[in-house]
Amino acid sequence: MNEPVSKPTLIRLKKVDFAWHAQAKLTIKSGNLCVEEHEHVFIRGASGSGKSTLLNIIGGIVTPQRGQVEIVGHDFCQLQALQRDRVRADHIGFIFQQFNLIPYLSILENVTLPCRFSKLRRDNAIERSGSVIEEAMYLLNRLYTKGQFSFQRTTSELSVGQQQRVAAARALIGQPQLIIADEPTSSLDYDAREAFMDLLFDELKLSGSTLLYVSHDPTHQHLFNRVADMSVINQQAEVAL
């Protein structure tokens, strides 16, 4: 009988300790998580359980005080901040809970920004759509009613829900190897939420990207390969800040 072929591990956290301040209790203590390439993981947990902190560690935004963090073949704990930025630019699409859009840039400029910092993602966008702008327009038109408004508007003119869709398109452009989504549908109405989930899983199917998805809403939990609970990932947490 043939043995099942194991997939490469894309994310490995081992005995990770993290606190936001030197004197604070640990938000994550001896945290462990393994995610295989192409896997789609729904992360759940109570408010304050450390979900966003976990995503920030995996995305290289912060580094733990202790432990091992291997992401897309790189040991983040051994990299300098600029090196982590390079890995994130090339390989990670991050939908932040606070969006982190550039308010004075247009919708299109925000969405295409990753392709200015990553040749890999720029080349991926051009290969699929012919140009970075065409790729951005394709993603935006999947998330908005076509002709709803000009994508030359600045993001400061948009509602919260509209900004969230721009952040989603920015994360997906250029088919990054890992998508990290922190409450990506929290400000969307039903139709916009369904449009986003359709686009997200269409893109995952095309690119084979791995997905880490945090949400308080279990509605779409069935779409994922597995559910990881923060109470298991973070078995020894003292206080989640």
Foldseek 3Di string as FASTA:
>chain_A
DDDDDFAAWQKWWAQFWADPDPPDATLFGRFTDTDGFLFEEEEEEDVLSCPVVVLCCQLLVDDTPDTFIHHRRDTSVPDDSVVSVLCNLAAEQEQDPQLPFDQVFFLLCRQLVSVVSYVQLQVLQCVVQVGQSRLLVVQVVLQDPPPPDDSRHGCNPDDPQSSLSSSLSSSPRSLHQEYEYEQSCVPPDPVNVVSSVVVVVVSCVVRSHYYYYYHPDCPCVVVGPYYHYSCVSRVPGDGRD
